[in-house]
C-alpha atoms as a PDB file:
ATOM      1  CA  MET A   1     121.940 173.908  79.906  1.00  0.00           C
ATOM      2  CA  LEU A   2     122.006 171.643  81.610  1.00  0.00           C
ATOM      3  CA  LEU A   3     118.081 170.039  82.663  1.00  0.00           C
ATOM      4  CA  ASN A   4     116.540 172.546  84.667  1.00  0.00           C
ATOM      5  CA  TYR A   5     114.116 172.606  87.328  1.00  0.00           C
ATOM      6  CA  THR A   6     110.789 172.346  85.817  1.00  0.00           C
ATOM      7  CA  GLN A   7     111.986 169.951  83.139  1.00  0.00           C
ATOM      8  CA  LEU A   8     113.500 167.021  86.011  1.00  0.00           C
ATOM      9  CA  VAL A   9     110.686 167.554  88.065  1.00  0.00           C
ATOM     10  CA  GLU A  10     108.309 166.502  84.488  1.00  0.00           C
ATOM     11  CA  LYS A  11     110.532 163.952  83.845  1.00  0.00           C
ATOM     12  CA  ILE A  12     110.061 162.080  87.715  1.00  0.00           C
ATOM     13  CA  ALA A  13     106.184 162.571  87.467  1.00  0.00           C
ATOM     14  CA  LYS A  14     105.935 161.188  83.679  1.00  0.00           C
ATOM     15  CA  ALA A  15     108.337 157.830  84.856  1.00  0.00           C
ATOM     16  CA  SER A  16     106.259 157.916  88.417  1.00  0.00           C
ATOM     17  CA  ASN A  17     102.613 158.608  87.923  1.00  0.00           C
ATOM     18  CA  LEU A  18     102.532 161.429  90.038  1.00  0.00           C
ATOM     19  CA  SER A  19     100.968 165.000  89.135  1.00  0.00           C
ATOM     20  CA  VAL A  20     104.041 167.869  89.131  1.00  0.00           C
ATOM     21  CA  GLU A  21     102.210 169.409  91.949  1.00  0.00           C
ATOM     22  CA  GLU A  22     102.667 166.497  93.918  1.00  0.00           C
ATOM     23  CA  VAL A  23     106.550 165.633  92.811  1.00  0.00           C
ATOM     24  CA  ASP A  24     107.101 169.346  93.986  1.00  0.00           C
ATOM     25  CA  ARG A  25     105.831 169.090  96.964  1.00  0.00           C
ATOM     26  CA  LYS A  26     108.301 166.170  97.744  1.00  0.00           C
ATOM     27  CA  VAL A  27     110.812 168.427  96.630  1.00  0.00           C
ATOM     28  CA  GLU A  28     110.145 171.338  98.590  1.00  0.00           C
ATOM     29  CA  ALA A  29     110.094 169.023 101.840  1.00  0.00           C
ATOM     30  CA  LYS A  30     113.679 167.427 101.085  1.00  0.00           C
ATOM     31  CA  CYS A  31     114.961 171.209 100.885  1.00  0.00           C
ATOM     32  CA  ALA A  32     113.318 171.954 103.714  1.00  0.00           C
ATOM     33  CA  LYS A  33     114.514 168.740 105.946  1.00  0.00           C
ATOM     34  CA  LEU A  34     118.017 169.416 103.929  1.00  0.00           C
ATOM     35  CA  SER A  35     118.213 173.104 104.845  1.00  0.00           C
ATOM     36  CA  GLY A  36     118.776 174.177 101.687  1.00  0.00           C
ATOM     37  CA  LEU A  37     122.340 172.022 102.194  1.00  0.00           C
ATOM     38  CA  ILE A  38     121.982 171.352  98.787  1.00  0.00           C
ATOM     39  CA  SER A  39     119.852 172.859  95.515  1.00  0.00           C
ATOM     40  CA  LYS A  40     116.548 172.334  94.227  1.00  0.00           C
ATOM     41  CA  GLU A  41     117.728 170.438  91.253  1.00  0.00           C
ATOM     42  CA  GLY A  42     119.748 167.974  93.499  1.00  0.00           C
ATOM     43  CA  SER A  43     116.725 167.580  96.611  1.00  0.00           C
ATOM     44  CA  ALA A  44     114.431 166.292  92.763  1.00  0.00           C
ATOM     45  CA  GLN A  45     116.642 163.298  92.165  1.00  0.00           C
ATOM     46  CA  ILE A  46     117.219 162.184  95.901  1.00  0.00           C
ATOM     47  CA  VAL A  47     113.260 162.521  95.614  1.00  0.00           C
ATOM     48  CA  ALA A  48     113.640 160.383  92.051  1.00  0.00           C
ATOM     49  CA  SER A  49     115.886 157.783  93.859  1.00  0.00           C
ATOM     50  CA  GLU A  50     113.114 157.462  96.620  1.00  0.00           C
ATOM     51  CA  LEU A  51     110.577 156.774  93.905  1.00  0.00           C
ATOM     52  CA  GLY A  52     112.346 153.954  92.257  1.00  0.00           C
ATOM     53  CA  ILE A  53     112.879 155.747  88.911  1.00  0.00           C
ATOM     54  CA  SER A  54     116.501 155.322  88.184  1.00  0.00           C
ATOM     55  CA  PHE A  55     118.203 156.762  85.060  1.00  0.00           C
ATOM     56  CA  ASP A  56     120.430 154.040  85.190  1.00  0.00           C
ATOM     57  CA  ARG A  57     119.948 152.596  81.285  1.00  0.00           C
ATOM     58  CA  GLU A  58     118.742 155.624  79.330  1.00  0.00           C
ATOM     59  CA  LYS A  59     120.349 156.740  76.997  1.00  0.00           C
ATOM     60  CA  MET A  60     120.058 160.903  77.902  1.00  0.00           C
ATOM     61  CA  LYS A  61     120.351 163.704  75.414  1.00  0.00           C
ATOM     62  CA  ILE A  62     122.845 166.834  77.284  1.00  0.00           C
ATOM     63  CA  ASN A  63     120.133 169.301  78.413  1.00  0.00           C
ATOM     64  CA  GLU A  64     118.303 166.351  80.118  1.00  0.00           C
ATOM     65  CA  LEU A  65     121.709 166.367  82.467  1.00  0.00           C
ATOM     66  CA  VAL A  66     122.290 167.707  86.394  1.00  0.00           C
ATOM     67  CA  ASP A  67     124.742 168.388  87.948  1.00  0.00           C
ATOM     68  CA  GLY A  68     125.409 165.442  90.634  1.00  0.00           C
ATOM     69  CA  MET A  69     123.924 162.594  88.417  1.00  0.00           C
ATOM     70  CA  LYS A  70     125.829 159.620  88.148  1.00  0.00           C
ATOM     71  CA  LYS A  71     125.798 156.439  85.372  1.00  0.00           C
ATOM     72  CA  ILE A  72     125.215 158.741  82.744  1.00  0.00           C
ATOM     73  CA  ASN A  73     124.894 157.341  79.170  1.00  0.00           C
ATOM     74  CA  LEU A  74     124.571 159.089  76.117  1.00  0.00           C
ATOM     75  CA  ALA A  75     125.695 159.914  72.662  1.00  0.00           C
ATOM     76  CA  GLY A  76     127.366 162.565  70.881  1.00  0.00           C
ATOM     77  CA  LYS A  77     129.870 164.306  68.570  1.00  0.00           C
ATOM     78  CA  VAL A  78     133.449 165.777  69.390  1.00  0.00           C
ATOM     79  CA  ILE A  79     133.449 169.011  68.344  1.00  0.00           C
ATOM     80  CA  ASP A  80     136.702 170.285  69.764  1.00  0.00           C
ATOM     81  CA  ALA A  81     140.231 168.846  69.424  1.00  0.00           C
ATOM     82  CA  PRO A  82     141.140 166.561  72.315  1.00  0.00           C
ATOM     83  CA  THR A  83     143.314 168.508  74.778  1.00  0.00           C
ATOM     84  CA  ILE A  84     145.671 165.635  76.739  1.00  0.00           C
ATOM     85  CA  ARG A  85     147.891 167.043  79.985  1.00  0.00           C
ATOM     86  CA  ALA A  86     150.060 165.473  81.833  1.00  0.00           C
ATOM     87  CA  PHE A  87     150.322 165.639  85.847  1.00  0.00           C
ATOM     88  CA  ASN A  88     151.996 164.732  89.008  1.00  0.00           C
ATOM     89  CA  LYS A  89     149.880 164.039  92.235  1.00  0.00           C
ATOM     90  CA  ASN A  90     151.544 162.474  95.320  1.00  0.00           C
ATOM     91  CA  GLY A  91     154.977 161.492  93.113  1.00  0.00           C
ATOM     92  CA  ARG A  92     152.602 159.727  90.653  1.00  0.00           C
ATOM     93  CA  ASP A  93     152.959 160.382  87.117  1.00  0.00           C
ATOM     94  CA  GLY A  94     148.883 160.198  85.345  1.00  0.00           C
ATOM     95  CA  LYS A  95     147.284 162.601  82.231  1.00  0.00           C
ATOM     96  CA  VAL A  96     143.537 163.645  81.774  1.00  0.00           C
ATOM     97  CA  LEU A  97     142.120 164.580  78.727  1.00  0.00           C
ATOM     98  CA  SER A  98     139.642 166.766  78.047  1.00  0.00           C
ATOM     99  CA  MET A  99     137.253 167.792  75.074  1.00  0.00           C
ATOM    100  CA  THR A 100     133.639 168.987  73.928  1.00  0.00           C
ATOM    101  CA  VAL A 101     130.732 167.068  73.019  1.00  0.00           C
ATOM    102  CA  ALA A 102     127.622 168.203  71.142  1.00  0.00           C
ATOM    103  CA  ASP A 103     124.186 166.531  70.384  1.00  0.00           C
ATOM    104  CA  GLU A 104     121.307 168.269  68.987  1.00  0.00           C
ATOM    105  CA  THR A 105     120.797 170.141  72.248  1.00  0.00           C
ATOM    106  CA  ASP A 106     123.114 171.312  73.866  1.00  0.00           C
ATOM    107  CA  ASN A 107     127.187 170.871  74.383  1.00  0.00           C
ATOM    108  CA  ILE A 108     129.371 169.538  77.439  1.00  0.00           C
ATOM    109  CA  ARG A 109     133.037 169.322  78.485  1.00  0.00           C
ATOM    110  CA  VAL A 110     133.852 166.091  78.886  1.00  0.00           C
ATOM    111  CA  VAL A 111     137.083 164.841  81.045  1.00  0.00           C
ATOM    112  CA  LEU A 112     138.751 161.312  80.367  1.00  0.00           C
ATOM    113  CA  TRP A 113     140.753 160.258  83.416  1.00  0.00           C
ATOM    114  CA  ASP A 114     141.637 156.653  82.741  1.00  0.00           C
ATOM    115  CA  THR A 115     144.363 155.837  80.205  1.00  0.00           C
ATOM    116  CA  ASN A 116     143.229 153.001  78.576  1.00  0.00           C
ATOM    117  CA  HIS A 117     140.347 155.892  77.291  1.00  0.00           C
ATOM    118  CA  ILE A 118     143.003 158.036  76.478  1.00  0.00           C
ATOM    119  CA  SER A 119     144.836 156.037  74.438  1.00  0.00           C
ATOM    120  CA  LEU A 120     141.766 155.176  71.913  1.00  0.00           C
ATOM    121  CA  PHE A 121     142.419 159.193  71.439  1.00  0.00           C
ATOM    122  CA  GLU A 122     146.657 159.071  71.255  1.00  0.00           C
ATOM    123  CA  ASP A 123     145.947 155.942  68.989  1.00  0.00           C
ATOM    124  CA  ASN A 124     143.595 157.898  66.549  1.00  0.00           C
ATOM    125  CA  HIS A 125     141.001 154.815  67.338  1.00  0.00           C
ATOM    126  CA  ILE A 126     138.646 158.641  68.164  1.00  0.00           C
ATOM    127  CA  ASN A 127     139.331 161.668  66.869  1.00  0.00           C
ATOM    128  CA  LEU A 128     138.268 165.567  66.494  1.00  0.00           C
ATOM    129  CA  ASN A 129     134.372 165.036  64.032  1.00  0.00           C
ATOM    130  CA  ASP A 130     133.847 161.340  65.670  1.00  0.00           C
ATOM    131  CA  SER A 131     130.675 160.898  67.309  1.00  0.00           C
ATOM    132  CA  ILE A 132     130.760 158.484  69.851  1.00  0.00           C
ATOM    133  CA  GLU A 133     129.035 156.892  72.821  1.00  0.00           C
ATOM    134  CA  ILE A 134     129.457 157.303  76.514  1.00  0.00           C
ATOM    135  CA  SER A 135     128.172 154.603  79.626  1.00  0.00           C
ATOM    136  CA  ASN A 136     128.641 154.924  83.277  1.00  0.00           C
ATOM    137  CA  ALA A 137     129.896 158.700  83.501  1.00  0.00           C
ATOM    138  CA  SER A 138     129.034 161.179  86.201  1.00  0.00           C
ATOM    139  CA  ILE A 139     128.294 164.803  86.501  1.00  0.00           C
ATOM    140  CA  ARG A 140     130.954 167.379  88.114  1.00  0.00           C
ATOM    141  CA  ASN A 141     130.576 170.885  88.504  1.00  0.00           C
ATOM    142  CA  ASN A 142     128.882 170.798  84.692  1.00  0.00           C
ATOM    143  CA  GLU A 143     131.096 168.761  83.547  1.00  0.00           C
ATOM    144  CA  LEU A 144     131.080 164.939  82.309  1.00  0.00           C
ATOM    145  CA  HIS A 145     133.760 162.852  83.903  1.00  0.00           C
ATOM    146  CA  LEU A 146     134.698 159.184  83.188  1.00  0.00           C
ATOM    147  CA  GLY A 147     137.170 156.928  85.232  1.00  0.00           C
ATOM    148  CA  SER A 148     137.976 153.624  84.613  1.00  0.00           C
ATOM    149  CA  PHE A 149     134.649 151.835  85.036  1.00  0.00           C
ATOM    150  CA  SER A 150     132.805 154.081  82.432  1.00  0.00           C
ATOM    151  CA  ASP A 151     133.077 153.481  78.827  1.00  0.00           C
ATOM    152  CA  ILE A 152     133.576 155.294  75.579  1.00  0.00           C
ATOM    153  CA  LYS A 153     133.377 154.026  71.621  1.00  0.00           C
ATOM    154  CA  LYS A 154     133.172 155.310  68.215  1.00  0.00           C
ATOM    155  CA  SER A 155     129.174 155.408  67.672  1.00  0.00           C
ATOM    156  CA  LYS A 156     127.171 155.008  64.320  1.00  0.00           C
ATOM    157  CA  GLU A 157     124.516 157.278  65.569  1.00  0.00           C
ATOM    158  CA  THR A 158     124.754 160.540  62.825  1.00  0.00           C
ATOM    159  CA  PHE A 159     124.412 163.555  63.696  1.00  0.00           C
ATOM    160  CA  ASP A 160     123.441 166.134  60.754  1.00  0.00           C
ATOM    161  CA  PHE A 161     123.496 169.184  63.481  1.00  0.00           C
ATOM    162  CA  VAL A 162     124.966 169.846  66.787  1.00  0.00           C
ATOM    163  CA  GLN A 163     124.269 172.832  69.599  1.00  0.00           C
ATOM    164  CA  THR A 164     128.311 174.319  69.714  1.00  0.00           C
ATOM    165  CA  SER A 165     127.456 177.472  71.448  1.00  0.00           C
ATOM    166  CA  LYS A 166     127.215 177.172  75.345  1.00  0.00           C
ATOM    167  CA  LYS A 167     123.939 178.335  76.170  1.00  0.00           C
ATOM    168  CA  ILE A 168     124.123 181.026  79.127  1.00  0.00           C
ATOM    169  CA  GLN A 169     121.513 182.127  82.030  1.00  0.00           C
ATOM    170  CA  SER A 170     121.423 185.455  83.597  1.00  0.00           C
ATOM    171  CA  LYS A 171     121.102 184.743  87.108  1.00  0.00           C
ATOM    172  CA  ASN A 172     121.574 187.168  90.495  1.00  0.00           C
ATOM    173  CA  ILE A 173     124.519 186.385  92.450  1.00  0.00           C
ATOM    174  CA  SER A 174     122.677 185.094  95.180  1.00  0.00           C
ATOM    175  CA  GLU A 175     121.138 182.398  92.918  1.00  0.00           C
ATOM    176  CA  LEU A 176     124.559 181.014  91.678  1.00  0.00           C
ATOM    177  CA  GLN A 177     125.846 177.551  92.365  1.00  0.00           C
ATOM    178  CA  ALA A 178     128.734 175.958  91.985  1.00  0.00           C
ATOM    179  CA  GLY A 179     130.016 174.521  88.397  1.00  0.00           C
ATOM    180  CA  GLN A 180     127.727 177.004  86.877  1.00  0.00           C
ATOM    181  CA  ASN A 181     128.166 178.949  83.830  1.00  0.00           C
ATOM    182  CA  ALA A 182     126.588 182.183  84.038  1.00  0.00           C
ATOM    183  CA  GLN A 183     125.954 185.885  83.075  1.00  0.00           C
ATOM    184  CA  ILE A 184     125.814 188.421  86.545  1.00  0.00           C
ATOM    185  CA  ARG A 185     125.128 192.131  85.594  1.00  0.00           C
ATOM    186  CA  ALA A 186     127.494 193.498  88.527  1.00  0.00           C
ATOM    187  CA  ILE A 187     129.385 196.640  89.735  1.00  0.00           C
ATOM    188  CA  VAL A 188     132.776 196.162  90.264  1.00  0.00           C
ATOM    189  CA  VAL A 189     133.763 196.849  94.692  1.00  0.00           C
ATOM    190  CA  GLN A 190     136.818 196.196  95.691  1.00  0.00           C
ATOM    191  CA  VAL A 191     139.997 195.102  93.449  1.00  0.00           C
ATOM    192  CA  PHE A 192     143.533 193.737  95.011  1.00  0.00           C
ATOM    193  CA  GLU A 193     146.986 194.155  93.773  1.00  0.00           C
ATOM    194  CA  PRO A 194     148.021 191.670  91.206  1.00  0.00           C
ATOM    195  CA  ARG A 195     149.696 188.523  91.097  1.00  0.00           C
ATOM    196  CA  PHE A 196     151.705 186.412  89.118  1.00  0.00           C
ATOM    197  CA  PHE A 197     152.566 182.685  88.569  1.00  0.00           C
ATOM    198  CA  GLU A 198     154.347 181.100  85.906  1.00  0.00           C
ATOM    199  CA  ASP A 199     153.422 178.707  83.742  1.00  0.00           C
ATOM    200  CA  LYS A 200     154.613 174.963  83.985  1.00  0.00           C
ATOM    201  CA  LYS A 201     154.647 174.585  80.495  1.00  0.00           C
ATOM    202  CA  THR A 202     155.938 177.389  78.918  1.00  0.00           C
ATOM    203  CA  GLY A 203     157.691 179.149  81.234  1.00  0.00           C
ATOM    204  CA  VAL A 204     156.456 182.653  80.817  1.00  0.00           C
ATOM    205  CA  LYS A 205     154.670 184.593  84.204  1.00  0.00           C
ATOM    206  CA  LYS A 206     151.334 185.084  83.605  1.00  0.00           C
ATOM    207  CA  PRO A 207     149.130 188.008  85.613  1.00  0.00           C
ATOM    208  CA  LEU A 208     145.916 187.224  87.902  1.00  0.00           C
ATOM    209  CA  LEU A 209     143.714 189.878  89.333  1.00  0.00           C
ATOM    210  CA  ALA A 210     141.118 189.361  92.188  1.00  0.00           C
ATOM    211  CA  LEU A 211     138.284 191.688  93.004  1.00  0.00           C
ATOM    212  CA  VAL A 212     134.796 191.344  94.580  1.00  0.00           C
ATOM    213  CA  LEU A 213     131.478 192.181  92.620  1.00  0.00           C
ATOM    214  CA  ASP A 214     127.743 193.331  94.233  1.00  0.00           C
ATOM    215  CA  ASP A 215     124.483 192.935  91.597  1.00  0.00           C
ATOM    216  CA  GLY A 216     122.598 193.989  95.159  1.00  0.00           C
ATOM    217  CA  THR A 217     121.207 190.612  96.378  1.00  0.00           C
ATOM    218  CA  GLU A 218     124.636 189.947  97.055  1.00  0.00           C
ATOM    219  CA  SER A 219     128.754 190.114  97.259  1.00  0.00           C
ATOM    220  CA  ILE A 220     131.019 187.319  95.251  1.00  0.00           C
ATOM    221  CA  ARG A 221     135.243 187.175  95.000  1.00  0.00           C
ATOM    222  CA  GLY A 222     136.173 186.990  91.323  1.00  0.00           C
ATOM    223  CA  ALA A 223     139.375 185.617  89.972  1.00  0.00           C
ATOM    224  CA  THR A 224     140.432 187.028  85.842  1.00  0.00           C
ATOM    225  CA  PHE A 225     143.657 185.036  84.371  1.00  0.00           C
ATOM    226  CA  ALA A 226     145.864 187.004  81.468  1.00  0.00           C
ATOM    227  CA  GLU A 227     143.409 185.942  78.515  1.00  0.00           C
ATOM    228  CA  SER A 228     140.735 188.025  80.757  1.00  0.00           C
ATOM    229  CA  ILE A 229     142.443 190.879  82.222  1.00  0.00           C
ATOM    230  CA  GLY A 230     142.825 193.080  79.227  1.00  0.00           C
ATOM    231  CA  LYS A 231     139.142 193.389  79.320  1.00  0.00           C
ATOM    232  CA  PHE A 232     139.143 195.703  82.397  1.00  0.00           C
ATOM    233  CA  GLY A 233     141.551 198.259  80.550  1.00  0.00           C
ATOM    234  CA  VAL A 234     144.531 197.306  82.399  1.00  0.00           C
ATOM    235  CA  SER A 235     148.248 196.984  80.781  1.00  0.00           C
ATOM    236  CA  GLN A 236     150.488 194.356  81.018  1.00  0.00           C
ATOM    237  CA  ASP A 237     152.619 197.780  82.477  1.00  0.00           C
ATOM    238  CA  GLU A 238     149.497 198.761  84.517  1.00  0.00           C
ATOM    239  CA  LEU A 239     150.308 195.236  85.982  1.00  0.00           C
ATOM    240  CA  GLU A 240     153.574 195.272  86.618  1.00  0.00           C
ATOM    241  CA  ASN A 241     154.140 198.899  87.901  1.00  0.00           C
ATOM    242  CA  ILE A 242     152.623 199.999  91.197  1.00  0.00           C
ATOM    243  CA  GLU A 243     152.123 203.185  90.616  1.00  0.00           C
ATOM    244  CA  LEU A 244     150.457 202.516  87.367  1.00  0.00           C
ATOM    245  CA  PHE A 245     148.041 199.941  88.561  1.00  0.00           C
ATOM    246  CA  THR A 246     146.855 201.949  91.617  1.00  0.00           C
ATOM    247  CA  ARG A 247     145.512 204.676  89.534  1.00  0.00           C
ATOM    248  CA  LYS A 248     143.609 202.030  86.938  1.00  0.00           C
ATOM    249  CA  LYS A 249     142.514 200.851  89.982  1.00  0.00           C
ATOM    250  CA  GLN A 250     140.348 203.659  90.473  1.00  0.00           C
ATOM    251  CA  GLU A 251     139.041 203.719  87.034  1.00  0.00           C
ATOM    252  CA  ILE A 252     137.955 199.857  87.779  1.00  0.00           C
ATOM    253  CA  LEU A 253     135.947 200.670  90.872  1.00  0.00           C
ATOM    254  CA  GLY A 254     132.420 201.020  90.428  1.00  0.00           C
ATOM    255  CA  MET A 255     132.539 199.837  87.354  1.00  0.00           C
ATOM    256  CA  GLU A 256     129.606 197.918  85.933  1.00  0.00           C
ATOM    257  CA  ALA A 257     128.859 195.247  83.745  1.00  0.00           C
ATOM    258  CA  ILE A 258     127.619 191.651  82.331  1.00  0.00           C
ATOM    259  CA  PHE A 259     130.235 189.274  83.212  1.00  0.00           C
ATOM    260  CA  SER A 260     130.509 185.497  82.038  1.00  0.00           C
ATOM    261  CA  VAL A 261     131.104 183.699  84.555  1.00  0.00           C
ATOM    262  CA  ASN A 262     132.221 180.259  85.570  1.00  0.00           C
ATOM    263  CA  VAL A 263     130.834 179.151  89.236  1.00  0.00           C
ATOM    264  CA  ARG A 264     133.433 177.115  92.205  1.00  0.00           C
ATOM    265  CA  ASN A 265     132.976 176.598  95.711  1.00  0.00           C
ATOM    266  CA  ASN A 266     136.294 177.228  97.390  1.00  0.00           C
ATOM    267  CA  VAL A 267     137.285 174.855  99.531  1.00  0.00           C
ATOM    268  CA  ASN A 268     139.171 176.102 102.357  1.00  0.00           C
ATOM    269  CA  PHE A 269     136.361 178.687 103.377  1.00  0.00           C
ATOM    270  CA  ASN A 270     133.615 176.783 102.012  1.00  0.00           C
ATOM    271  CA  THR A 271     132.450 180.392  99.362  1.00  0.00           C
ATOM    272  CA  LYS A 272     131.423 179.968  96.015  1.00  0.00           C
ATOM    273  CA  GLU A 273     133.720 182.390  94.083  1.00  0.00           C
ATOM    274  CA  VAL A 274     133.778 183.399  90.157  1.00  0.00           C
ATOM    275  CA  THR A 275     136.394 183.011  87.467  1.00  0.00           C
ATOM    276  CA  ILE A 276     135.595 185.605  85.013  1.00  0.00           C
ATOM    277  CA  ASN A 277     135.775 184.318  81.341  1.00  0.00           C
ATOM    278  CA  ASP A 278     134.206 188.073  79.997  1.00  0.00           C
ATOM    279  CA  VAL A 279     133.350 191.552  79.911  1.00  0.00           C
ATOM    280  CA  GLN A 280     130.670 193.158  78.805  1.00  0.00           C
ATOM    281  CA  THR A 281     130.258 197.092  79.287  1.00  0.00           C
ATOM    282  CA  LEU A 282     126.765 197.559  79.391  1.00  0.00           C
ATOM    283  CA  ASP A 283     124.955 199.172  76.389  1.00  0.00           C
ATOM    284  CA  LEU A 284     121.947 201.640  77.964  1.00  0.00           C
ATOM    285  CA  ASP A 285     119.856 201.532  75.194  1.00  0.00           C
ATOM    286  CA  LYS A 286     119.137 198.341  74.798  1.00  0.00           C
ATOM    287  CA  LEU A 287     119.028 198.149  78.522  1.00  0.00           C
ATOM    288  CA  ILE A 288     116.355 200.347  78.490  1.00  0.00           C
ATOM    289  CA  GLU A 289     114.044 198.510  75.715  1.00  0.00           C
ATOM    290  CA  VAL A 290     114.559 195.392  77.668  1.00  0.00           C
ATOM    291  CA  LEU A 291     113.049 197.441  81.211  1.00  0.00           C
ATOM    292  CA  LYS A 292     110.437 198.671  78.714  1.00  0.00           C
ATOM    293  CA  ASN A 293     109.625 194.972  77.735  1.00  0.00           C
END
């Protein structure tokens, strides 16, 4: 879980010798000036910069990271097998490597774009379960990205315990920000006909199901892919047969559940959208107990 607003303000207050209240007032003023175009966390980063506070040389913990930060230095442990994917963009071939790195506070997806960095993994200089040091990286969409000016190397630091599971916060749809992972309790209010696309690696046709969720605070368009569609109770036959799907669609409409989502911006329409990764049916007894407390 990335650093929350309260923790960030406390960090700025300590570095600036101001009170938490003074920093909070400065952030609120910055938010008002920017007409809510960026989050409070983003406004706090601007306030920190205006106060002359830089975290450039500080080695940070993963739970202290905030979306949009640059020049990040940290150490952690590689906790899943790095995957390398080839791509072609504008006629140029390239590679991208992704993996998860953890420390004792949290874990984060790390993305490498530089071929020199990627070769460290291809040549087995860095492997799964190794401790590493990263410097001059940046956060985009809650992922840590390393470019050609970044650095990555093996570390002598040991990590006896790391956070291997990702903490996901429960949020209202109106509170969602691009780049977040969250859980939302919502109702399916619209379902679109399934679409299919071809996986370029395998040539297999894969389905995509788009729908709209509403939780009373706002509506949001979502998409779920082959791996998660089954959690809506939709079979492959129902996806491929329009008559069967039309009947199934009536069952999905009005469905209330807890949805685990990734939030992103649709750059074409400047709107928030979600990718649905998991669906949990409501446990009414548990929900009643929570409401009592």
